[in-house]
Amino acid sequence: MSLRFAVLGLLEDGPASGYALTARFEKSLQRYAWTARQSHLYPELGRLAEDGLIEVVEQGARGRRTYAITDAGRAELRAWLLSTPKPRAVRDEQALRLCLISALEPAEARDIVRSHLAEAEAISAELRALADAADADSNHPRGPLRFGRLAMELGIYQSEAQRQWAMWALNRLDDAASDER
């Protein structure tokens, strides 16, 4: 169900084709908030159009369609955003691996944590670059806090927390290794 609202939110940022929406998904949502394949996106566009929440505003070559959110779509998006979220089911394979890391030898555990640290640093750098670019684009009609900018900052804070956790975990693993000697 959230794919519906992700698409409406992406279109709230401006009209787009299915191809452009797929690119927006990959750039702004997929890694940090919601995953959807192109094969899921196009049928959802059809359902949203059928429900009157989006409309085709332009048709191009080879059946290319550009979609825009309607007033009804904005109202539905707004109602969903203001509603109480359902409890979320967590399925994070990386977190599960970290929960079970004590099954490894200390050197192996340190390698896993170092990998986690490197990933957190890379994500933080990537998001900071995206945030800097978003902040530099002052001509956007939505202004500096347009779609995704606040969520991007959440991602930066989360990756920083992951980095701090990895540093803490490495220190704990090092302390445990020195206690064993």
C-alpha atoms as a PDB file:
ATOM      1  CA  MET A   1       0.000   0.000   0.000  1.00  0.00           C
ATOM      2  CA  SER A   2       2.834   2.436   0.697  1.00  0.00           C
ATOM      3  CA  LEU A   3       4.004   2.222  -2.927  1.00  0.00           C
ATOM      4  CA  ARG A   4       0.843   4.145  -3.765  1.00  0.00           C
ATOM      5  CA  PHE A   5       1.843   6.974  -1.450  1.00  0.00           C
ATOM      6  CA  ALA A   6       5.485   6.894  -2.484  1.00  0.00           C
ATOM      7  CA  VAL A   7       4.409   7.449  -6.099  1.00  0.00           C
ATOM      8  CA  LEU A   8       1.995  10.211  -5.094  1.00  0.00           C
ATOM      9  CA  GLY A   9       4.768  11.862  -3.090  1.00  0.00           C
ATOM     10  CA  LEU A  10       7.211  11.642  -5.978  1.00  0.00           C
ATOM     11  CA  LEU A  11       4.625  13.214  -8.273  1.00  0.00           C
ATOM     12  CA  GLU A  12       3.963  15.914  -5.691  1.00  0.00           C
ATOM     13  CA  ASP A  13       7.512  17.013  -6.457  1.00  0.00           C
ATOM     14  CA  GLY A  14       6.538  17.458 -10.119  1.00  0.00           C
ATOM     15  CA  PRO A  15       5.139  15.620 -13.159  1.00  0.00           C
ATOM     16  CA  ALA A  16       7.171  12.694 -14.431  1.00  0.00           C
ATOM     17  CA  SER A  17       7.125   9.710 -16.741  1.00  0.00           C
ATOM     18  CA  GLY A  18       7.303   6.170 -15.426  1.00  0.00           C
ATOM     19  CA  TYR A  19      10.965   6.081 -16.428  1.00  0.00           C
ATOM     20  CA  ALA A  20      11.706   9.338 -14.568  1.00  0.00           C
ATOM     21  CA  LEU A  21       9.781   8.087 -11.529  1.00  0.00           C
ATOM     22  CA  THR A  22      11.884   4.927 -11.520  1.00  0.00           C
ATOM     23  CA  ALA A  23      15.020   7.090 -11.545  1.00  0.00           C
ATOM     24  CA  ARG A  24      13.622   9.273  -8.740  1.00  0.00           C
ATOM     25  CA  PHE A  25      12.845   6.128  -6.744  1.00  0.00           C
ATOM     26  CA  GLU A  26      16.365   4.837  -7.163  1.00  0.00           C
ATOM     27  CA  LYS A  27      17.912   8.182  -6.266  1.00  0.00           C
ATOM     28  CA  SER A  28      15.743   9.291  -3.375  1.00  0.00           C
ATOM     29  CA  LEU A  29      13.786   6.419  -1.850  1.00  0.00           C
ATOM     30  CA  GLN A  30      14.995   2.975  -2.776  1.00  0.00           C
ATOM     31  CA  ARG A  31      18.066   2.722  -0.633  1.00  0.00           C
ATOM     32  CA  TYR A  32      16.758   4.660   2.343  1.00  0.00           C
ATOM     33  CA  ALA A  33      12.991   4.352   2.601  1.00  0.00           C
ATOM     34  CA  TRP A  34      11.119   2.146   0.143  1.00  0.00           C
ATOM     35  CA  THR A  35      11.991  -0.335  -2.567  1.00  0.00           C
ATOM     36  CA  ALA A  36      10.020  -0.751  -5.774  1.00  0.00           C
ATOM     37  CA  ARG A  37      10.930  -2.281  -9.083  1.00  0.00           C
ATOM     38  CA  GLN A  38       9.923  -0.810 -12.400  1.00  0.00           C
ATOM     39  CA  SER A  39       7.628  -3.816 -12.830  1.00  0.00           C
ATOM     40  CA  HIS A  40       5.749  -2.704  -9.689  1.00  0.00           C
ATOM     41  CA  LEU A  41       5.733   0.985 -10.537  1.00  0.00           C
ATOM     42  CA  TYR A  42       3.941   0.869 -13.891  1.00  0.00           C
ATOM     43  CA  PRO A  43       0.942  -1.140 -12.663  1.00  0.00           C
ATOM     44  CA  GLU A  44       0.669   1.247  -9.685  1.00  0.00           C
ATOM     45  CA  LEU A  45       0.622   4.212 -12.062  1.00  0.00           C
ATOM     46  CA  GLY A  46      -2.284   2.551 -13.862  1.00  0.00           C
ATOM     47  CA  ARG A  47      -4.198   2.009 -10.619  1.00  0.00           C
ATOM     48  CA  LEU A  48      -3.570   5.580  -9.454  1.00  0.00           C
ATOM     49  CA  ALA A  49      -4.801   6.942 -12.803  1.00  0.00           C
ATOM     50  CA  GLU A  50      -7.840   4.672 -12.687  1.00  0.00           C
ATOM     51  CA  ASP A  51      -8.624   5.977  -9.189  1.00  0.00           C
ATOM     52  CA  GLY A  52      -8.301   9.588 -10.360  1.00  0.00           C
ATOM     53  CA  LEU A  53      -5.331  10.325  -8.108  1.00  0.00           C
ATOM     54  CA  ILE A  54      -2.975  11.043 -10.999  1.00  0.00           C
ATOM     55  CA  GLU A  55      -3.529  11.960 -14.620  1.00  0.00           C
ATOM     56  CA  VAL A  56      -1.634  11.724 -17.872  1.00  0.00           C
ATOM     57  CA  VAL A  57      -0.604  15.263 -18.785  1.00  0.00           C
ATOM     58  CA  GLU A  58       1.521  14.437 -21.817  1.00  0.00           C
ATOM     59  CA  GLN A  59       2.000  11.549 -24.218  1.00  0.00           C
ATOM     60  CA  GLY A  60       5.170  11.124 -26.187  1.00  0.00           C
ATOM     61  CA  ALA A  61       6.852   8.757 -28.562  1.00  0.00           C
ATOM     62  CA  ARG A  62       6.583   4.984 -28.023  1.00  0.00           C
ATOM     63  CA  GLY A  63       3.725   5.380 -25.547  1.00  0.00           C
ATOM     64  CA  ARG A  64       5.718   7.497 -23.089  1.00  0.00           C
ATOM     65  CA  ARG A  65       3.341   9.138 -20.634  1.00  0.00           C
ATOM     66  CA  THR A  66       3.997  11.945 -18.210  1.00  0.00           C
ATOM     67  CA  TYR A  67       1.896  11.809 -15.047  1.00  0.00           C
ATOM     68  CA  ALA A  68       0.885  14.532 -12.615  1.00  0.00           C
ATOM     69  CA  ILE A  69      -0.816  14.311  -9.248  1.00  0.00           C
ATOM     70  CA  THR A  70      -4.438  15.506  -9.108  1.00  0.00           C
ATOM     71  CA  ASP A  71      -6.135  17.429  -6.316  1.00  0.00           C
ATOM     72  CA  ALA A  72      -7.718  14.136  -5.208  1.00  0.00           C
ATOM     73  CA  GLY A  73      -4.231  12.581  -5.152  1.00  0.00           C
ATOM     74  CA  ARG A  74      -2.903  15.443  -3.038  1.00  0.00           C
ATOM     75  CA  ALA A  75      -5.812  15.038  -0.628  1.00  0.00           C
ATOM     76  CA  GLU A  76      -5.210  11.274  -0.324  1.00  0.00           C
ATOM     77  CA  LEU A  77      -1.468  11.788   0.155  1.00  0.00           C
ATOM     78  CA  ARG A  78      -2.132  14.425   2.811  1.00  0.00           C
ATOM     79  CA  ALA A  79      -4.633  12.192   4.647  1.00  0.00           C
ATOM     80  CA  TRP A  80      -2.153   9.322   4.643  1.00  0.00           C
ATOM     81  CA  LEU A  81       0.699  11.546   5.861  1.00  0.00           C
ATOM     82  CA  LEU A  82      -1.460  12.823   8.729  1.00  0.00           C
ATOM     83  CA  SER A  83      -2.743   9.371   9.721  1.00  0.00           C
ATOM     84  CA  THR A  84      -1.122   7.282  12.449  1.00  0.00           C
ATOM     85  CA  PRO A  85       1.398   4.881  10.912  1.00  0.00           C
ATOM     86  CA  LYS A  86       0.821   1.182  11.368  1.00  0.00           C
ATOM     87  CA  PRO A  87       3.438  -0.644  13.436  1.00  0.00           C
ATOM     88  CA  ARG A  88       6.196  -1.544  11.052  1.00  0.00           C
ATOM     89  CA  ALA A  89       7.525  -4.995  10.497  1.00  0.00           C
ATOM     90  CA  VAL A  90      11.287  -4.949  10.566  1.00  0.00           C
ATOM     91  CA  ARG A  91      13.174  -7.175   8.163  1.00  0.00           C
ATOM     92  CA  ASP A  92      16.716  -5.921   8.173  1.00  0.00           C
ATOM     93  CA  GLU A  93      19.165  -8.646   7.230  1.00  0.00           C
ATOM     94  CA  GLN A  94      22.168  -6.543   8.214  1.00  0.00           C
ATOM     95  CA  ALA A  95      20.746  -5.861  11.679  1.00  0.00           C
ATOM     96  CA  LEU A  96      19.963  -9.563  12.087  1.00  0.00           C
ATOM     97  CA  ARG A  97      23.551 -10.453  11.211  1.00  0.00           C
ATOM     98  CA  LEU A  98      24.791  -7.935  13.775  1.00  0.00           C
ATOM     99  CA  CYS A  99      22.484  -9.434  16.412  1.00  0.00           C
ATOM    100  CA  LEU A 100      24.066 -12.834  15.779  1.00  0.00           C
ATOM    101  CA  ILE A 101      27.663 -11.670  15.378  1.00  0.00           C
ATOM    102  CA  SER A 102      28.759 -13.297  18.631  1.00  0.00           C
ATOM    103  CA  ALA A 103      28.639 -16.641  16.794  1.00  0.00           C
ATOM    104  CA  LEU A 104      31.801 -15.575  14.945  1.00  0.00           C
ATOM    105  CA  GLU A 105      35.396 -15.529  16.007  1.00  0.00           C
ATOM    106  CA  PRO A 106      36.472 -12.051  17.265  1.00  0.00           C
ATOM    107  CA  ALA A 107      38.588 -11.326  14.174  1.00  0.00           C
ATOM    108  CA  GLU A 108      35.661 -12.218  11.918  1.00  0.00           C
ATOM    109  CA  ALA A 109      33.314 -10.071  13.999  1.00  0.00           C
ATOM    110  CA  ARG A 110      35.716  -7.121  13.723  1.00  0.00           C
ATOM    111  CA  ASP A 111      35.805  -7.560   9.932  1.00  0.00           C
ATOM    112  CA  ILE A 112      32.000  -7.459   9.815  1.00  0.00           C
ATOM    113  CA  VAL A 113      31.880  -4.339  12.004  1.00  0.00           C
ATOM    114  CA  ARG A 114      34.599  -2.647   9.925  1.00  0.00           C
ATOM    115  CA  SER A 115      32.551  -3.380   6.823  1.00  0.00           C
ATOM    116  CA  HIS A 116      29.505  -1.879   8.540  1.00  0.00           C
ATOM    117  CA  LEU A 117      31.569   1.183   9.468  1.00  0.00           C
ATOM    118  CA  ALA A 118      32.787   1.647   5.885  1.00  0.00           C
ATOM    119  CA  GLU A 119      29.250   1.352   4.547  1.00  0.00           C
ATOM    120  CA  ALA A 120      27.938   3.891   7.063  1.00  0.00           C
ATOM    121  CA  GLU A 121      30.689   6.338   6.110  1.00  0.00           C
ATOM    122  CA  ALA A 122      29.992   5.870   2.394  1.00  0.00           C
ATOM    123  CA  ILE A 123      26.239   6.369   2.845  1.00  0.00           C
ATOM    124  CA  SER A 124      26.829   9.456   4.958  1.00  0.00           C
ATOM    125  CA  ALA A 125      29.143  10.951   2.326  1.00  0.00           C
ATOM    126  CA  GLU A 126      26.686  10.133  -0.471  1.00  0.00           C
ATOM    127  CA  LEU A 127      23.771  11.694   1.388  1.00  0.00           C
ATOM    128  CA  ARG A 128      25.776  14.760   2.370  1.00  0.00           C
ATOM    129  CA  ALA A 129      26.665  15.313  -1.303  1.00  0.00           C
ATOM    130  CA  LEU A 130      23.012  14.950  -2.295  1.00  0.00           C
ATOM    131  CA  ALA A 131      21.962  17.318   0.497  1.00  0.00           C
ATOM    132  CA  ASP A 132      24.552  19.886  -0.564  1.00  0.00           C
ATOM    133  CA  ALA A 133      23.288  19.694  -4.148  1.00  0.00           C
ATOM    134  CA  ALA A 134      19.676  20.016  -2.996  1.00  0.00           C
ATOM    135  CA  ASP A 135      20.555  22.996  -0.804  1.00  0.00           C
ATOM    136  CA  ALA A 136      22.375  24.676  -3.704  1.00  0.00           C
ATOM    137  CA  ASP A 137      19.298  24.392  -5.955  1.00  0.00           C
ATOM    138  CA  SER A 138      17.432  27.430  -4.643  1.00  0.00           C
ATOM    139  CA  ASN A 139      15.241  27.669  -7.773  1.00  0.00           C
ATOM    140  CA  HIS A 140      13.096  24.653  -6.969  1.00  0.00           C
ATOM    141  CA  PRO A 141       9.428  25.686  -6.613  1.00  0.00           C
ATOM    142  CA  ARG A 142       9.149  23.852  -3.283  1.00  0.00           C
ATOM    143  CA  GLY A 143      12.154  25.644  -1.853  1.00  0.00           C
ATOM    144  CA  PRO A 144      14.982  24.187   0.229  1.00  0.00           C
ATOM    145  CA  LEU A 145      12.833  21.693   2.149  1.00  0.00           C
ATOM    146  CA  ARG A 146      11.293  20.058  -0.888  1.00  0.00           C
ATOM    147  CA  PHE A 147      10.522  16.389  -1.182  1.00  0.00           C
ATOM    148  CA  GLY A 148      13.114  14.182   0.365  1.00  0.00           C
ATOM    149  CA  ARG A 149      15.350  16.842   1.890  1.00  0.00           C
ATOM    150  CA  LEU A 150      14.197  16.257   5.465  1.00  0.00           C
ATOM    151  CA  ALA A 151      14.310  12.494   4.931  1.00  0.00           C
ATOM    152  CA  MET A 152      17.797  12.888   3.506  1.00  0.00           C
ATOM    153  CA  GLU A 153      18.866  14.543   6.740  1.00  0.00           C
ATOM    154  CA  LEU A 154      17.334  11.642   8.673  1.00  0.00           C
ATOM    155  CA  GLY A 155      19.477   9.307   6.573  1.00  0.00           C
ATOM    156  CA  ILE A 156      22.558  11.379   7.399  1.00  0.00           C
ATOM    157  CA  TYR A 157      21.784  11.166  11.121  1.00  0.00           C
ATOM    158  CA  GLN A 158      21.099   7.436  10.873  1.00  0.00           C
ATOM    159  CA  SER A 159      24.334   6.758   9.015  1.00  0.00           C
ATOM    160  CA  GLU A 160      26.213   8.835  11.594  1.00  0.00           C
ATOM    161  CA  ALA A 161      24.585   6.789  14.373  1.00  0.00           C
ATOM    162  CA  GLN A 162      25.607   3.611  12.521  1.00  0.00           C
ATOM    163  CA  ARG A 163      29.163   4.931  12.279  1.00  0.00           C
ATOM    164  CA  GLN A 164      29.256   5.745  15.983  1.00  0.00           C
ATOM    165  CA  TRP A 165      27.837   2.323  16.829  1.00  0.00           C
ATOM    166  CA  ALA A 166      30.494   0.625  14.684  1.00  0.00           C
ATOM    167  CA  MET A 167      33.260   2.570  16.421  1.00  0.00           C
ATOM    168  CA  TRP A 168      31.789   1.583  19.817  1.00  0.00           C
ATOM    169  CA  ALA A 169      31.454  -2.064  18.740  1.00  0.00           C
ATOM    170  CA  LEU A 170      35.044  -2.179  17.510  1.00  0.00           C
ATOM    171  CA  ASN A 171      36.221  -0.815  20.855  1.00  0.00           C
ATOM    172  CA  ARG A 172      34.146  -3.437  22.685  1.00  0.00           C
ATOM    173  CA  LEU A 173      35.542  -6.226  20.511  1.00  0.00           C
ATOM    174  CA  ASP A 174      39.073  -4.935  21.070  1.00  0.00           C
ATOM    175  CA  ASP A 175      38.461  -4.776  24.853  1.00  0.00           C
ATOM    176  CA  ALA A 176      37.103  -8.338  24.840  1.00  0.00           C
ATOM    177  CA  ALA A 177      40.118  -9.542  22.861  1.00  0.00           C
ATOM    178  CA  SER A 178      42.542  -7.904  25.276  1.00  0.00           C
ATOM    179  CA  ASP A 179      40.662  -9.415  28.273  1.00  0.00           C
ATOM    180  CA  GLU A 180      41.152 -12.880  26.746  1.00  0.00           C
ATOM    181  CA  ARG A 181      44.931 -12.423  26.617  1.00  0.00           C
END
